[in-house]
PDB file of N, CA and C in Angstrom:
ATOM      1  N   MET A   1       0.948  -1.205   0.040  1.00  0.00           N
ATOM      2  CA  MET A   1       0.143  -0.021   0.077  1.00  0.00           C
ATOM      3  C   MET A   1       0.999   1.278  -0.029  1.00  0.00           C
ATOM      4  N   LEU A   2       0.678   2.251  -0.955  1.00  0.00           N
ATOM      5  CA  LEU A   2       1.449   3.307  -1.070  1.00  0.00           C
ATOM      6  C   LEU A   2       0.739   4.540  -0.191  1.00  0.00           C
ATOM      7  N   CYS A   3       1.393   5.278   0.298  1.00  0.00           N
ATOM      8  CA  CYS A   3       0.782   6.505   0.848  1.00  0.00           C
ATOM      9  C   CYS A   3       1.837   7.672   0.899  1.00  0.00           C
ATOM     10  N   ALA A   4       1.085   8.845   1.117  1.00  0.00           N
ATOM     11  CA  ALA A   4       1.980   9.979   1.416  1.00  0.00           C
ATOM     12  C   ALA A   4       2.024  10.574   2.643  1.00  0.00           C
ATOM     13  N   VAL A   5       3.179  10.906   3.234  1.00  0.00           N
ATOM     14  CA  VAL A   5       3.348  11.362   4.452  1.00  0.00           C
ATOM     15  C   VAL A   5       3.592  12.929   4.381  1.00  0.00           C
ATOM     16  N   TYR A   6       2.930  13.652   5.248  1.00  0.00           N
ATOM     17  CA  TYR A   6       3.101  15.132   5.403  1.00  0.00           C
ATOM     18  C   TYR A   6       3.492  15.482   6.862  1.00  0.00           C
ATOM     19  N   LYS A   7       4.289  16.614   6.933  1.00  0.00           N
ATOM     20  CA  LYS A   7       4.425  17.005   8.383  1.00  0.00           C
ATOM     21  C   LYS A   7       3.867  18.323   8.493  1.00  0.00           C
ATOM     22  N   SER A   8       3.381  18.694   9.886  1.00  0.00           N
ATOM     23  CA  SER A   8       2.695  19.829  10.115  1.00  0.00           C
ATOM     24  C   SER A   8       3.774  20.943  10.215  1.00  0.00           C
ATOM     25  N   ARG A   9       3.325  22.225   9.845  1.00  0.00           N
ATOM     26  CA  ARG A   9       4.224  23.266   9.952  1.00  0.00           C
ATOM     27  C   ARG A   9       3.897  24.056  11.391  1.00  0.00           C
ATOM     28  N   LYS A  10       2.743  23.697  11.801  1.00  0.00           N
ATOM     29  CA  LYS A  10       2.191  24.204  13.170  1.00  0.00           C
ATOM     30  C   LYS A  10       2.492  23.442  14.526  1.00  0.00           C
ATOM     31  N   LYS A  11       2.532  22.098  14.114  1.00  0.00           N
ATOM     32  CA  LYS A  11       2.650  21.190  15.421  1.00  0.00           C
ATOM     33  C   LYS A  11       4.008  20.329  15.069  1.00  0.00           C
ATOM     34  N   ALA A  12       4.871  20.458  15.998  1.00  0.00           N
ATOM     35  CA  ALA A  12       6.335  19.733  15.865  1.00  0.00           C
ATOM     36  C   ALA A  12       5.973  18.154  15.945  1.00  0.00           C
ATOM     37  N   GLU A  13       6.672  17.632  15.241  1.00  0.00           N
ATOM     38  CA  GLU A  13       6.809  16.132  15.136  1.00  0.00           C
ATOM     39  C   GLU A  13       5.302  15.543  14.943  1.00  0.00           C
ATOM     40  N   THR A  14       4.472  16.163  14.228  1.00  0.00           N
ATOM     41  CA  THR A  14       3.052  15.771  13.900  1.00  0.00           C
ATOM     42  C   THR A  14       3.060  15.343  12.444  1.00  0.00           C
ATOM     43  N   TYR A  15       2.643  14.123  11.916  1.00  0.00           N
ATOM     44  CA  TYR A  15       2.631  13.746  10.654  1.00  0.00           C
ATOM     45  C   TYR A  15       1.256  13.419  10.305  1.00  0.00           C
ATOM     46  N   LEU A  16       0.836  13.596   8.995  1.00  0.00           N
ATOM     47  CA  LEU A  16      -0.409  13.185   8.379  1.00  0.00           C
ATOM     48  C   LEU A  16      -0.080  12.067   7.291  1.00  0.00           C
ATOM     49  N   PHE A  17      -0.625  10.825   7.310  1.00  0.00           N
ATOM     50  CA  PHE A  17      -0.401   9.895   6.451  1.00  0.00           C
ATOM     51  C   PHE A  17      -1.964   9.839   5.636  1.00  0.00           C
ATOM     52  N   VAL A  18      -1.756   9.859   4.218  1.00  0.00           N
ATOM     53  CA  VAL A  18      -3.051   9.920   3.392  1.00  0.00           C
ATOM     54  C   VAL A  18      -2.784   8.920   2.299  1.00  0.00           C
ATOM     55  N   GLU A  19      -3.762   8.544   1.815  1.00  0.00           N
ATOM     56  CA  GLU A  19      -3.677   7.402   0.786  1.00  0.00           C
ATOM     57  C   GLU A  19      -3.120   7.796  -0.561  1.00  0.00           C
ATOM     58  N   ARG A  20      -3.327   9.219  -0.860  1.00  0.00           N
ATOM     59  CA  ARG A  20      -2.915   9.682  -2.274  1.00  0.00           C
ATOM     60  C   ARG A  20      -2.333  11.027  -1.974  1.00  0.00           C
ATOM     61  N   ARG A  21      -1.262  11.483  -2.749  1.00  0.00           N
ATOM     62  CA  ARG A  21      -0.585  12.522  -2.547  1.00  0.00           C
ATOM     63  C   ARG A  21      -1.497  13.879  -2.843  1.00  0.00           C
ATOM     64  N   GLU A  22      -1.626  14.744  -2.085  1.00  0.00           N
ATOM     65  CA  GLU A  22      -2.395  16.009  -2.117  1.00  0.00           C
ATOM     66  C   GLU A  22      -3.810  15.654  -2.133  1.00  0.00           C
ATOM     67  N   ASP A  23      -4.330  14.534  -1.738  1.00  0.00           N
ATOM     68  CA  ASP A  23      -5.725  14.108  -1.456  1.00  0.00           C
ATOM     69  C   ASP A  23      -6.026  14.170   0.021  1.00  0.00           C
ATOM     70  N   PHE A  24      -6.650  15.243   0.341  1.00  0.00           N
ATOM     71  CA  PHE A  24      -7.057  15.434   1.899  1.00  0.00           C
ATOM     72  C   PHE A  24      -8.502  15.358   1.885  1.00  0.00           C
ATOM     73  N   SER A  25      -9.283  14.944   1.035  1.00  0.00           N
ATOM     74  CA  SER A  25     -10.626  14.828   0.976  1.00  0.00           C
ATOM     75  C   SER A  25     -11.294  14.038   2.058  1.00  0.00           C
ATOM     76  N   ARG A  26     -10.700  13.119   2.715  1.00  0.00           N
ATOM     77  CA  ARG A  26     -11.144  12.337   3.922  1.00  0.00           C
ATOM     78  C   ARG A  26     -10.756  12.700   5.082  1.00  0.00           C
ATOM     79  N   VAL A  27      -9.997  13.783   5.128  1.00  0.00           N
ATOM     80  CA  VAL A  27      -9.538  14.394   6.520  1.00  0.00           C
ATOM     81  C   VAL A  27     -10.367  15.504   6.827  1.00  0.00           C
ATOM     82  N   PRO A  28     -10.933  15.378   8.047  1.00  0.00           N
ATOM     83  CA  PRO A  28     -11.878  16.428   8.613  1.00  0.00           C
ATOM     84  C   PRO A  28     -11.311  17.939   8.571  1.00  0.00           C
ATOM     85  N   GLU A  29     -12.008  18.860   8.222  1.00  0.00           N
ATOM     86  CA  GLU A  29     -11.666  20.165   8.036  1.00  0.00           C
ATOM     87  C   GLU A  29     -11.049  20.783   9.323  1.00  0.00           C
ATOM     88  N   VAL A  30     -11.583  20.406  10.492  1.00  0.00           N
ATOM     89  CA  VAL A  30     -11.034  20.947  11.786  1.00  0.00           C
ATOM     90  C   VAL A  30      -9.721  20.421  11.880  1.00  0.00           C
ATOM     91  N   LEU A  31      -9.478  19.186  11.522  1.00  0.00           N
ATOM     92  CA  LEU A  31      -7.956  18.511  11.534  1.00  0.00           C
ATOM     93  C   LEU A  31      -7.181  19.194  10.732  1.00  0.00           C
ATOM     94  N   MET A  32      -7.626  19.642   9.520  1.00  0.00           N
ATOM     95  CA  MET A  32      -6.624  20.259   8.469  1.00  0.00           C
ATOM     96  C   MET A  32      -6.327  21.613   9.040  1.00  0.00           C
ATOM     97  N   SER A  33      -7.215  22.408   9.657  1.00  0.00           N
ATOM     98  CA  SER A  33      -7.190  23.691  10.083  1.00  0.00           C
ATOM     99  C   SER A  33      -6.118  23.677  11.183  1.00  0.00           C
ATOM    100  N   ALA A  34      -6.182  22.709  12.194  1.00  0.00           N
ATOM    101  CA  ALA A  34      -5.386  22.604  13.259  1.00  0.00           C
ATOM    102  C   ALA A  34      -3.761  22.104  12.841  1.00  0.00           C
ATOM    103  N   PHE A  35      -3.805  21.159  11.828  1.00  0.00           N
ATOM    104  CA  PHE A  35      -2.606  20.701  11.322  1.00  0.00           C
ATOM    105  C   PHE A  35      -1.905  21.943  10.397  1.00  0.00           C
ATOM    106  N   GLY A  36      -2.528  22.603   9.864  1.00  0.00           N
ATOM    107  CA  GLY A  36      -1.836  23.778   9.111  1.00  0.00           C
ATOM    108  C   GLY A  36      -1.539  23.244   7.540  1.00  0.00           C
ATOM    109  N   ARG A  37      -0.766  24.111   6.899  1.00  0.00           N
ATOM    110  CA  ARG A  37      -0.510  23.733   5.593  1.00  0.00           C
ATOM    111  C   ARG A  37       0.427  22.531   5.330  1.00  0.00           C
ATOM    112  N   PRO A  38      -0.076  21.384   4.847  1.00  0.00           N
ATOM    113  CA  PRO A  38       0.748  20.054   4.926  1.00  0.00           C
ATOM    114  C   PRO A  38       2.166  20.407   4.091  1.00  0.00           C
ATOM    115  N   GLU A  39       3.195  19.837   4.556  1.00  0.00           N
ATOM    116  CA  GLU A  39       4.427  19.799   3.825  1.00  0.00           C
ATOM    117  C   GLU A  39       4.786  18.265   3.440  1.00  0.00           C
ATOM    118  N   LEU A  40       4.734  17.980   2.263  1.00  0.00           N
ATOM    119  CA  LEU A  40       5.234  16.731   1.886  1.00  0.00           C
ATOM    120  C   LEU A  40       6.562  16.280   2.263  1.00  0.00           C
ATOM    121  N   VAL A  41       6.675  15.082   3.056  1.00  0.00           N
ATOM    122  CA  VAL A  41       7.875  14.562   3.444  1.00  0.00           C
ATOM    123  C   VAL A  41       8.369  13.513   2.597  1.00  0.00           C
ATOM    124  N   LEU A  42       7.474  12.507   2.406  1.00  0.00           N
ATOM    125  CA  LEU A  42       7.817  11.415   1.508  1.00  0.00           C
ATOM    126  C   LEU A  42       6.571  10.593   0.964  1.00  0.00           C
ATOM    127  N   MET A  43       6.871   9.741   0.003  1.00  0.00           N
ATOM    128  CA  MET A  43       5.850   8.848  -0.462  1.00  0.00           C
ATOM    129  C   MET A  43       6.536   7.452  -0.061  1.00  0.00           C
ATOM    130  N   THR A  44       5.726   6.613   0.436  1.00  0.00           N
ATOM    131  CA  THR A  44       6.452   5.423   0.809  1.00  0.00           C
ATOM    132  C   THR A  44       5.328   4.255   0.582  1.00  0.00           C
ATOM    133  N   LYS A  45       5.988   2.959   0.570  1.00  0.00           N
ATOM    134  CA  LYS A  45       5.165   1.901   0.398  1.00  0.00           C
ATOM    135  C   LYS A  45       5.031   1.181   1.797  1.00  0.00           C
ATOM    136  N   LEU A  46       3.898   1.119   2.343  1.00  0.00           N
ATOM    137  CA  LEU A  46       3.699   0.564   3.624  1.00  0.00           C
ATOM    138  C   LEU A  46       3.857  -0.856   3.634  1.00  0.00           C
ATOM    139  N   ASP A  47       4.646  -1.667   4.525  1.00  0.00           N
ATOM    140  CA  ASP A  47       4.867  -2.859   4.554  1.00  0.00           C
ATOM    141  C   ASP A  47       4.872  -3.331   6.129  1.00  0.00           C
ATOM    142  N   PRO A  48       3.997  -4.087   6.520  1.00  0.00           N
ATOM    143  CA  PRO A  48       3.777  -4.511   7.894  1.00  0.00           C
ATOM    144  C   PRO A  48       5.171  -5.181   8.647  1.00  0.00           C
ATOM    145  N   ALA A  49       5.896  -5.549   7.783  1.00  0.00           N
ATOM    146  CA  ALA A  49       7.155  -6.122   8.168  1.00  0.00           C
ATOM    147  C   ALA A  49       8.173  -5.091   8.519  1.00  0.00           C
ATOM    148  N   LYS A  50       7.969  -3.817   8.024  1.00  0.00           N
ATOM    149  CA  LYS A  50       8.973  -2.626   8.235  1.00  0.00           C
ATOM    150  C   LYS A  50       8.443  -1.644   9.153  1.00  0.00           C
ATOM    151  N   PRO A  51       8.965  -1.359  10.289  1.00  0.00           N
ATOM    152  CA  PRO A  51       8.499  -0.364  11.336  1.00  0.00           C
ATOM    153  C   PRO A  51       8.701   1.050  10.706  1.00  0.00           C
ATOM    154  N   LEU A  52       7.641   1.865  11.133  1.00  0.00           N
ATOM    155  CA  LEU A  52       7.612   3.308  10.785  1.00  0.00           C
ATOM    156  C   LEU A  52       8.279   4.179  11.649  1.00  0.00           C
ATOM    157  N   GLY A  53       8.721   3.799  13.041  1.00  0.00           N
ATOM    158  CA  GLY A  53       8.981   4.706  13.944  1.00  0.00           C
ATOM    159  C   GLY A  53       8.063   4.663  15.162  1.00  0.00           C
ATOM    160  N   ILE A  54       7.308   5.796  15.346  1.00  0.00           N
ATOM    161  CA  ILE A  54       6.416   5.760  16.494  1.00  0.00           C
ATOM    162  C   ILE A  54       5.166   4.800  16.275  1.00  0.00           C
ATOM    163  N   ALA A  55       4.660   5.059  14.961  1.00  0.00           N
ATOM    164  CA  ALA A  55       3.428   4.526  14.847  1.00  0.00           C
ATOM    165  C   ALA A  55       3.675   2.863  14.223  1.00  0.00           C
ATOM    166  N   SER A  56       2.635   1.971  14.445  1.00  0.00           N
ATOM    167  CA  SER A  56       2.517   0.680  14.028  1.00  0.00           C
ATOM    168  C   SER A  56       2.109   0.517  12.512  1.00  0.00           C
ATOM    169  N   THR A  57       2.823  -0.123  11.741  1.00  0.00           N
ATOM    170  CA  THR A  57       2.682   0.020  10.364  1.00  0.00           C
ATOM    171  C   THR A  57       1.193  -0.515  10.000  1.00  0.00           C
ATOM    172  N   SER A  58       0.783  -1.721  10.742  1.00  0.00           N
ATOM    173  CA  SER A  58      -0.499  -2.149  10.562  1.00  0.00           C
ATOM    174  C   SER A  58      -1.522  -1.283  10.993  1.00  0.00           C
ATOM    175  N   ARG A  59      -1.350  -0.411  12.059  1.00  0.00           N
ATOM    176  CA  ARG A  59      -2.406   0.519  12.559  1.00  0.00           C
ATOM    177  C   ARG A  59      -2.560   1.641  11.545  1.00  0.00           C
ATOM    178  N   VAL A  60      -1.509   1.956  10.998  1.00  0.00           N
ATOM    179  CA  VAL A  60      -1.481   3.020   9.927  1.00  0.00           C
ATOM    180  C   VAL A  60      -2.373   2.526   8.676  1.00  0.00           C
ATOM    181  N   MET A  61      -1.975   1.371   8.345  1.00  0.00           N
ATOM    182  CA  MET A  61      -2.654   0.704   7.142  1.00  0.00           C
ATOM    183  C   MET A  61      -4.260   0.538   7.321  1.00  0.00           C
ATOM    184  N   GLU A  62      -4.581   0.102   8.607  1.00  0.00           N
ATOM    185  CA  GLU A  62      -5.813   0.120   8.914  1.00  0.00           C
ATOM    186  C   GLU A  62      -6.547   1.392   8.923  1.00  0.00           C
ATOM    187  N   ALA A  63      -6.032   2.378   9.306  1.00  0.00           N
ATOM    188  CA  ALA A  63      -6.617   3.767   9.546  1.00  0.00           C
ATOM    189  C   ALA A  63      -6.794   4.256   8.088  1.00  0.00           C
ATOM    190  N   LEU A  64      -5.836   4.042   7.306  1.00  0.00           N
ATOM    191  CA  LEU A  64      -5.887   4.602   5.879  1.00  0.00           C
ATOM    192  C   LEU A  64      -7.120   3.896   5.118  1.00  0.00           C
ATOM    193  N   GLN A  65      -7.347   2.698   5.485  1.00  0.00           N
ATOM    194  CA  GLN A  65      -8.236   1.949   4.677  1.00  0.00           C
ATOM    195  C   GLN A  65      -9.575   2.327   5.285  1.00  0.00           C
ATOM    196  N   SER A  66      -9.815   2.477   6.466  1.00  0.00           N
ATOM    197  CA  SER A  66     -11.146   2.712   7.159  1.00  0.00           C
ATOM    198  C   SER A  66     -11.510   4.261   7.189  1.00  0.00           C
ATOM    199  N   GLN A  67     -10.618   5.174   7.401  1.00  0.00           N
ATOM    200  CA  GLN A  67     -10.955   6.654   7.402  1.00  0.00           C
ATOM    201  C   GLN A  67     -10.187   7.227   6.431  1.00  0.00           C
ATOM    202  N   GLY A  68      -9.205   6.808   5.772  1.00  0.00           N
ATOM    203  CA  GLY A  68      -8.524   7.517   4.643  1.00  0.00           C
ATOM    204  C   GLY A  68      -7.345   8.466   5.055  1.00  0.00           C
ATOM    205  N   PHE A  69      -6.984   8.407   6.337  1.00  0.00           N
ATOM    206  CA  PHE A  69      -5.937   9.136   6.990  1.00  0.00           C
ATOM    207  C   PHE A  69      -5.412   8.695   8.291  1.00  0.00           C
ATOM    208  N   TYR A  70      -4.231   8.765   8.658  1.00  0.00           N
ATOM    209  CA  TYR A  70      -3.767   8.472   9.999  1.00  0.00           C
ATOM    210  C   TYR A  70      -2.919   9.689  10.371  1.00  0.00           C
ATOM    211  N   LEU A  71      -3.108   9.984  11.642  1.00  0.00           N
ATOM    212  CA  LEU A  71      -2.510  11.199  12.321  1.00  0.00           C
ATOM    213  C   LEU A  71      -1.499  10.708  13.356  1.00  0.00           C
ATOM    214  N   GLN A  72      -0.334  11.032  13.135  1.00  0.00           N
ATOM    215  CA  GLN A  72       0.709  10.607  14.159  1.00  0.00           C
ATOM    216  C   GLN A  72       1.205  11.848  15.092  1.00  0.00           C
ATOM    217  N   VAL A  73       1.009  11.773  16.347  1.00  0.00           N
ATOM    218  CA  VAL A  73       1.341  12.803  17.251  1.00  0.00           C
ATOM    219  C   VAL A  73       2.697  12.400  18.091  1.00  0.00           C
ATOM    220  N   PRO A  74       3.337  13.358  18.591  1.00  0.00           N
ATOM    221  CA  PRO A  74       4.504  12.949  19.240  1.00  0.00           C
ATOM    222  C   PRO A  74       4.021  12.342  20.622  1.00  0.00           C
ATOM    223  N   PRO A  75       5.033  11.445  21.253  1.00  0.00           N
ATOM    224  CA  PRO A  75       4.576  10.899  22.492  1.00  0.00           C
ATOM    225  C   PRO A  75       4.699  12.068  23.578  1.00  0.00           C
ATOM    226  N   PRO A  76       3.975  12.043  24.638  1.00  0.00           N
ATOM    227  CA  PRO A  76       4.029  13.085  25.556  1.00  0.00           C
ATOM    228  C   PRO A  76       5.553  13.267  26.133  1.00  0.00           C
ATOM    229  N   PRO A  77       5.889  14.477  26.507  1.00  0.00           N
ATOM    230  CA  PRO A  77       7.272  14.559  27.079  1.00  0.00           C
ATOM    231  C   PRO A  77       7.499  13.854  28.315  1.00  0.00           C
ATOM    232  N   GLU A  78       8.751  13.487  28.522  1.00  0.00           N
ATOM    233  CA  GLU A  78       9.004  12.765  29.829  1.00  0.00           C
ATOM    234  C   GLU A  78       9.038  13.747  30.932  1.00  0.00           C
ATOM    235  N   ASN A  79       8.367  13.333  32.099  1.00  0.00           N
ATOM    236  CA  ASN A  79       8.367  14.372  33.232  1.00  0.00           C
ATOM    237  C   ASN A  79       9.445  13.830  34.149  1.00  0.00           C
ATOM    238  N   LEU A  80      10.684  14.141  34.137  1.00  0.00           N
ATOM    239  CA  LEU A  80      11.705  13.560  34.798  1.00  0.00           C
ATOM    240  C   LEU A  80      11.705  13.977  36.284  1.00  0.00           C
ATOM    241  N   LEU A  81      11.112  15.090  36.623  1.00  0.00           N
ATOM    242  CA  LEU A  81      10.840  15.561  38.062  1.00  0.00           C
ATOM    243  C   LEU A  81       9.833  14.594  38.646  1.00  0.00           C
ATOM    244  N   GLU A  82       8.791  14.198  38.070  1.00  0.00           N
ATOM    245  CA  GLU A  82       7.847  13.286  38.654  1.00  0.00           C
ATOM    246  C   GLU A  82       8.405  11.862  38.826  1.00  0.00           C
ATOM    247  N   GLN A  83       9.214  11.472  37.844  1.00  0.00           N
ATOM    248  CA  GLN A  83       9.856  10.251  37.991  1.00  0.00           C
ATOM    249  C   GLN A  83      10.776   9.958  39.110  1.00  0.00           C
ATOM    250  N   HIS A  84      11.470  11.245  39.318  1.00  0.00           N
ATOM    251  CA  HIS A  84      12.454  11.312  40.426  1.00  0.00           C
ATOM    252  C   HIS A  84      11.776  11.198  41.711  1.00  0.00           C
ATOM    253  N   LYS A  85      10.751  11.901  41.947  1.00  0.00           N
ATOM    254  CA  LYS A  85       9.932  12.090  43.038  1.00  0.00           C
ATOM    255  C   LYS A  85       9.313  10.716  43.528  1.00  0.00           C
ATOM    256  N   ALA A  86       8.882   9.958  42.401  1.00  0.00           N
ATOM    257  CA  ALA A  86       8.232   8.644  42.655  1.00  0.00           C
ATOM    258  C   ALA A  86       9.419   7.667  43.197  1.00  0.00           C
ATOM    259  N   GLN A  87      10.438   7.785  42.441  1.00  0.00           N
ATOM    260  CA  GLN A  87      11.529   6.844  42.881  1.00  0.00           C
ATOM    261  C   GLN A  87      12.183   7.237  44.286  1.00  0.00           C
ATOM    262  N   LEU A  88      12.272   8.359  44.634  1.00  0.00           N
ATOM    263  CA  LEU A  88      12.507   8.774  46.083  1.00  0.00           C
ATOM    264  C   LEU A  88      11.428   8.281  47.042  1.00  0.00           C
ATOM    265  N   LYS A  89      10.191   8.370  46.653  1.00  0.00           N
ATOM    266  CA  LYS A  89       9.153   7.928  47.608  1.00  0.00           C
ATOM    267  C   LYS A  89       9.221   6.318  47.740  1.00  0.00           C
ATOM    268  N   ALA A  90       9.532   5.572  46.595  1.00  0.00           N
ATOM    269  CA  ALA A  90       9.387   4.170  46.592  1.00  0.00           C
ATOM    270  C   ALA A  90      10.812   3.802  47.527  1.00  0.00           C
ATOM    271  N   GLU A  91      11.906   4.511  47.536  1.00  0.00           N
ATOM    272  CA  GLU A  91      13.012   4.237  48.371  1.00  0.00           C
ATOM    273  C   GLU A  91      12.699   4.303  49.676  1.00  0.00           C
ATOM    274  N   ARG A  92      12.077   5.341  50.150  1.00  0.00           N
ATOM    275  CA  ARG A  92      11.697   5.729  51.579  1.00  0.00           C
ATOM    276  C   ARG A  92      10.760   4.612  52.049  1.00  0.00           C
ATOM    277  N   GLU A  93       9.801   3.910  51.244  1.00  0.00           N
ATOM    278  CA  GLU A  93       8.953   2.942  51.819  1.00  0.00           C
ATOM    279  C   GLU A  93       9.411   1.672  52.119  1.00  0.00           C
TER     280      GLU A  93
END
């Protein structure tokens, strides 16, 4: 399955996968507004045997088939202070 991958100019590390290049017809308007003007990053052939990075290839393929797009957002930032506090609390107990 071929797909086009776009990055957001408004949201760092946010990517939009669509079935065809420049075809955003199945992407909701509110999402396109929040995403901003898409910038093409690459055209790729999705293969379940090859990882994509953050997203599961099979999950991306399923979303493309069912809704016509997949939105990849960055994972939440690590809260090192909270991790440290939890570790200190565990050591005291």
